[in-house]
PDB file of N, CA and C in Angstrom:
ATOM      1  N   MET A   1       8.870  31.140   5.980  1.00  0.00           N
ATOM      2  CA  MET A   1       9.458  29.830   6.237  1.00  0.00           C
ATOM      3  C   MET A   1       8.384  28.770   6.088  1.00  0.00           C
ATOM      4  N   GLN A   2       8.816  27.555   5.713  1.00  0.00           N
ATOM      5  CA  GLN A   2       7.895  26.455   5.486  1.00  0.00           C
ATOM      6  C   GLN A   2       8.171  25.309   6.449  1.00  0.00           C
ATOM      7  N   CYS A   3       7.119  24.532   6.715  1.00  0.00           N
ATOM      8  CA  CYS A   3       7.228  23.357   7.568  1.00  0.00           C
ATOM      9  C   CYS A   3       8.192  22.362   6.932  1.00  0.00           C
ATOM     10  N   THR A   4       9.075  21.832   7.739  1.00  0.00           N
ATOM     11  CA  THR A   4      10.061  20.864   7.279  1.00  0.00           C
ATOM     12  C   THR A   4       9.404  19.591   6.750  1.00  0.00           C
ATOM     13  N   THR A   5       8.268  19.220   7.314  1.00  0.00           N
ATOM     14  CA  THR A   5       7.607  17.978   6.934  1.00  0.00           C
ATOM     15  C   THR A   5       6.666  18.143   5.743  1.00  0.00           C
ATOM     16  N   CYS A   6       5.721  19.063   5.858  1.00  0.00           N
ATOM     17  CA  CYS A   6       4.669  19.142   4.841  1.00  0.00           C
ATOM     18  C   CYS A   6       4.823  20.308   3.862  1.00  0.00           C
ATOM     19  N   GLY A   7       5.687  21.254   4.189  1.00  0.00           N
ATOM     20  CA  GLY A   7       5.926  22.369   3.284  1.00  0.00           C
ATOM     21  C   GLY A   7       4.947  23.527   3.391  1.00  0.00           C
ATOM     22  N   ARG A   8       4.000  23.445   4.315  1.00  0.00           N
ATOM     23  CA  ARG A   8       3.064  24.563   4.484  1.00  0.00           C
ATOM     24  C   ARG A   8       3.778  25.764   5.087  1.00  0.00           C
ATOM     25  N   LYS A   9       3.233  26.924   4.818  1.00  0.00           N
ATOM     26  CA  LYS A   9       3.806  28.155   5.343  1.00  0.00           C
ATOM     27  C   LYS A   9       3.577  28.211   6.855  1.00  0.00           C
ATOM     28  N   LEU A  10       4.647  28.508   7.595  1.00  0.00           N
ATOM     29  CA  LEU A  10       4.553  28.625   9.051  1.00  0.00           C
ATOM     30  C   LEU A  10       4.192  30.055   9.405  1.00  0.00           C
ATOM     31  N   LYS A  11       3.249  30.206  10.337  1.00  0.00           N
ATOM     32  CA  LYS A  11       2.712  31.527  10.636  1.00  0.00           C
ATOM     33  C   LYS A  11       3.126  32.078  11.991  1.00  0.00           C
ATOM     34  N   ASP A  12       3.173  31.239  13.029  1.00  0.00           N
ATOM     35  CA  ASP A  12       3.513  31.805  14.340  1.00  0.00           C
ATOM     36  C   ASP A  12       4.993  31.593  14.668  1.00  0.00           C
ATOM     37  N   LYS A  13       5.485  32.409  15.564  1.00  0.00           N
ATOM     38  CA  LYS A  13       6.911  32.417  15.894  1.00  0.00           C
ATOM     39  C   LYS A  13       7.393  31.071  16.424  1.00  0.00           C
ATOM     40  N   LYS A  14       6.595  30.449  17.268  1.00  0.00           N
ATOM     41  CA  LYS A  14       6.967  29.161  17.852  1.00  0.00           C
ATOM     42  C   LYS A  14       7.182  28.113  16.757  1.00  0.00           C
ATOM     43  N   SER A  15       6.272  28.064  15.796  1.00  0.00           N
ATOM     44  CA  SER A  15       6.399  27.109  14.695  1.00  0.00           C
ATOM     45  C   SER A  15       7.606  27.428  13.826  1.00  0.00           C
ATOM     46  N   ILE A  16       7.820  28.693  13.567  1.00  0.00           N
ATOM     47  CA  ILE A  16       8.966  29.116  12.758  1.00  0.00           C
ATOM     48  C   ILE A  16      10.265  28.713  13.447  1.00  0.00           C
ATOM     49  N   ASP A  17      10.336  28.925  14.762  1.00  0.00           N
ATOM     50  CA  ASP A  17      11.536  28.562  15.521  1.00  0.00           C
ATOM     51  C   ASP A  17      11.794  27.055  15.480  1.00  0.00           C
ATOM     52  N   ARG A  18      10.722  26.259  15.547  1.00  0.00           N
ATOM     53  CA  ARG A  18      10.859  24.800  15.535  1.00  0.00           C
ATOM     54  C   ARG A  18      11.116  24.259  14.130  1.00  0.00           C
ATOM     55  N   GLY A  19      10.554  24.951  13.142  1.00  0.00           N
ATOM     56  CA  GLY A  19      10.652  24.471  11.770  1.00  0.00           C
ATOM     57  C   GLY A  19       9.537  23.516  11.389  1.00  0.00           C
ATOM     58  N   TYR A  20       8.562  23.360  12.272  1.00  0.00           N
ATOM     59  CA  TYR A  20       7.422  22.478  12.062  1.00  0.00           C
ATOM     60  C   TYR A  20       6.148  23.197  12.482  1.00  0.00           C
ATOM     61  N   GLY A  21       5.044  22.911  11.785  1.00  0.00           N
ATOM     62  CA  GLY A  21       3.731  23.345  12.243  1.00  0.00           C
ATOM     63  C   GLY A  21       3.330  22.488  13.428  1.00  0.00           C
ATOM     64  N   PRO A  22       2.253  22.853  14.135  1.00  0.00           N
ATOM     65  CA  PRO A  22       1.885  22.124  15.356  1.00  0.00           C
ATOM     66  C   PRO A  22       1.566  20.646  15.135  1.00  0.00           C
ATOM     67  N   VAL A  23       0.874  20.299  14.064  1.00  0.00           N
ATOM     68  CA  VAL A  23       0.523  18.908  13.797  1.00  0.00           C
ATOM     69  C   VAL A  23       1.769  18.112  13.421  1.00  0.00           C
ATOM     70  N   CYS A  24       2.584  18.663  12.537  1.00  0.00           N
ATOM     71  CA  CYS A  24       3.807  17.969  12.110  1.00  0.00           C
ATOM     72  C   CYS A  24       4.805  17.857  13.263  1.00  0.00           C
ATOM     73  N   TYR A  25       4.826  18.839  14.153  1.00  0.00           N
ATOM     74  CA  TYR A  25       5.741  18.781  15.290  1.00  0.00           C
ATOM     75  C   TYR A  25       5.356  17.635  16.225  1.00  0.00           C
ATOM     76  N   GLU A  26       4.066  17.464  16.470  1.00  0.00           N
ATOM     77  CA  GLU A  26       3.608  16.348  17.305  1.00  0.00           C
ATOM     78  C   GLU A  26       3.996  15.018  16.663  1.00  0.00           C
ATOM     79  N   LYS A  27       3.826  14.907  15.349  1.00  0.00           N
ATOM     80  CA  LYS A  27       4.218  13.680  14.642  1.00  0.00           C
ATOM     81  C   LYS A  27       5.724  13.480  14.751  1.00  0.00           C
ATOM     82  N   HIS A  28       6.479  14.543  14.612  1.00  0.00           N
ATOM     83  CA  HIS A  28       7.934  14.470  14.726  1.00  0.00           C
ATOM     84  C   HIS A  28       8.345  13.956  16.113  1.00  0.00           C
ATOM     85  N   LEU A  29       7.712  14.461  17.162  1.00  0.00           N
ATOM     86  CA  LEU A  29       8.014  14.011  18.520  1.00  0.00           C
ATOM     87  C   LEU A  29       7.673  12.534  18.713  1.00  0.00           C
ATOM     88  N   ARG A  30       6.538  12.099  18.150  1.00  0.00           N
ATOM     89  CA  ARG A  30       6.164  10.680  18.232  1.00  0.00           C
ATOM     90  C   ARG A  30       7.192   9.821  17.508  1.00  0.00           C
ATOM     91  N   ASP A  31       7.629  10.278  16.339  1.00  0.00           N
ATOM     92  CA  ASP A  31       8.630   9.523  15.575  1.00  0.00           C
ATOM     93  C   ASP A  31       9.938   9.409  16.352  1.00  0.00           C
ATOM     94  N   LEU A  32      10.350  10.490  17.005  1.00  0.00           N
ATOM     95  CA  LEU A  32      11.567  10.447  17.819  1.00  0.00           C
ATOM     96  C   LEU A  32      11.419   9.471  18.982  1.00  0.00           C
ATOM     97  N   ALA A  33      10.258   9.500  19.626  1.00  0.00           N
ATOM     98  CA  ALA A  33      10.007   8.593  20.752  1.00  0.00           C
ATOM     99  C   ALA A  33       9.985   7.144  20.274  1.00  0.00           C
ATOM    100  N   ASP A  34       9.369   6.903  19.119  1.00  0.00           N
ATOM    101  CA  ASP A  34       9.338   5.543  18.562  1.00  0.00           C
ATOM    102  C   ASP A  34      10.740   5.058  18.227  1.00  0.00           C
ATOM    103  N   ALA A  35      11.562   5.916  17.662  1.00  0.00           N
ATOM    104  CA  ALA A  35      12.933   5.548  17.310  1.00  0.00           C
ATOM    105  C   ALA A  35      13.736   5.224  18.569  1.00  0.00           C
ATOM    106  N   GLU A  36      13.550   6.003  19.613  1.00  0.00           N
ATOM    107  CA  GLU A  36      14.251   5.756  20.878  1.00  0.00           C
ATOM    108  C   GLU A  36      13.794   4.430  21.487  1.00  0.00           C
ATOM    109  N   PHE A  37      12.507   4.164  21.421  1.00  0.00           N
ATOM    110  CA  PHE A  37      11.953   2.912  21.929  1.00  0.00           C
ATOM    111  C   PHE A  37      12.560   1.729  21.180  1.00  0.00           C
ATOM    112  N   GLU A  38      12.582   1.798  19.855  1.00  0.00           N
ATOM    113  CA  GLU A  38      13.134   0.722  19.038  1.00  0.00           C
ATOM    114  C   GLU A  38      14.614   0.495  19.327  1.00  0.00           C
ATOM    115  N   LYS A  39      15.346   1.581  19.546  1.00  0.00           N
ATOM    116  CA  LYS A  39      16.775   1.487  19.826  1.00  0.00           C
ATOM    117  C   LYS A  39      17.041   0.705  21.115  1.00  0.00           C
ATOM    118  N   ASN A  40      16.122   0.789  22.062  1.00  0.00           N
ATOM    119  CA  ASN A  40      16.310   0.160  23.365  1.00  0.00           C
ATOM    120  C   ASN A  40      15.720  -1.248  23.467  1.00  0.00           C
ATOM    121  N   GLN A  41      15.191  -1.769  22.374  1.00  0.00           N
ATOM    122  CA  GLN A  41      14.608  -3.102  22.394  1.00  0.00           C
ATOM    123  C   GLN A  41      15.693  -4.169  22.326  1.00  0.00           C
ATOM    124  N   VAL A  42      15.400  -5.301  22.919  1.00  0.00           N
ATOM    125  CA  VAL A  42      16.317  -6.433  22.937  1.00  0.00           C
ATOM    126  C   VAL A  42      15.632  -7.584  22.201  1.00  0.00           C
ATOM    127  N   THR A  43      16.371  -8.245  21.337  1.00  0.00           N
ATOM    128  CA  THR A  43      15.798  -9.398  20.637  1.00  0.00           C
ATOM    129  C   THR A  43      15.981 -10.657  21.478  1.00  0.00           C
ATOM    130  N   ILE A  44      15.181 -11.654  21.175  1.00  0.00           N
ATOM    131  CA  ILE A  44      15.288 -12.920  21.896  1.00  0.00           C
ATOM    132  C   ILE A  44      16.647 -13.555  21.654  1.00  0.00           C
ATOM    133  N   ASP A  45      17.211 -13.364  20.462  1.00  0.00           N
ATOM    134  CA  ASP A  45      18.524 -13.918  20.166  1.00  0.00           C
ATOM    135  C   ASP A  45      19.592 -13.279  21.051  1.00  0.00           C
ATOM    136  N   GLU A  46      19.488 -11.990  21.302  1.00  0.00           N
ATOM    137  CA  GLU A  46      20.455 -11.312  22.184  1.00  0.00           C
ATOM    138  C   GLU A  46      20.334 -11.840  23.610  1.00  0.00           C
ATOM    139  N   VAL A  47      19.127 -12.137  24.044  1.00  0.00           N
ATOM    140  CA  VAL A  47      18.926 -12.661  25.390  1.00  0.00           C
ATOM    141  C   VAL A  47      19.528 -14.063  25.485  1.00  0.00           C
ATOM    142  N   ILE A  48      19.272 -14.882  24.491  1.00  0.00           N
ATOM    143  CA  ILE A  48      19.786 -16.254  24.503  1.00  0.00           C
ATOM    144  C   ILE A  48      21.302 -16.267  24.476  1.00  0.00           C
ATOM    145  N   GLU A  49      21.899 -15.399  23.657  1.00  0.00           N
ATOM    146  CA  GLU A  49      23.354 -15.346  23.530  1.00  0.00           C
ATOM    147  C   GLU A  49      24.006 -14.625  24.687  1.00  0.00           C
ATOM    148  N   GLY A  50      23.230 -13.963  25.528  1.00  0.00           N
ATOM    149  CA  GLY A  50      23.779 -13.248  26.663  1.00  0.00           C
ATOM    150  C   GLY A  50      24.323 -11.877  26.313  1.00  0.00           C
ATOM    151  N   ASP A  51      23.948 -11.343  25.144  1.00  0.00           N
ATOM    152  CA  ASP A  51      24.420 -10.022  24.714  1.00  0.00           C
ATOM    153  C   ASP A  51      23.511  -8.889  25.179  1.00  0.00           C
ATOM    154  N   ALA A  52      22.440  -9.223  25.850  1.00  0.00           N
ATOM    155  CA  ALA A  52      21.489  -8.190  26.283  1.00  0.00           C
ATOM    156  C   ALA A  52      22.130  -7.286  27.315  1.00  0.00           C
ATOM    157  N   VAL A  53      21.755  -6.027  27.258  1.00  0.00           N
ATOM    158  CA  VAL A  53      22.312  -5.029  28.191  1.00  0.00           C
ATOM    159  C   VAL A  53      21.631  -5.125  29.519  1.00  0.00           C
TER     160      VAL A  53
END
């Protein structure tokens, strides 16, 4: 099996189960956290219009 991100061959069971090598998995987790952070941001226009959650 190969890493979903970089295509390198995965060697240990944990990486194979995840589909990512250890470095790419950490990057994947950061990307997910960044996406979640961005999703929860409020723009100044939303605050002014009163649409903020």
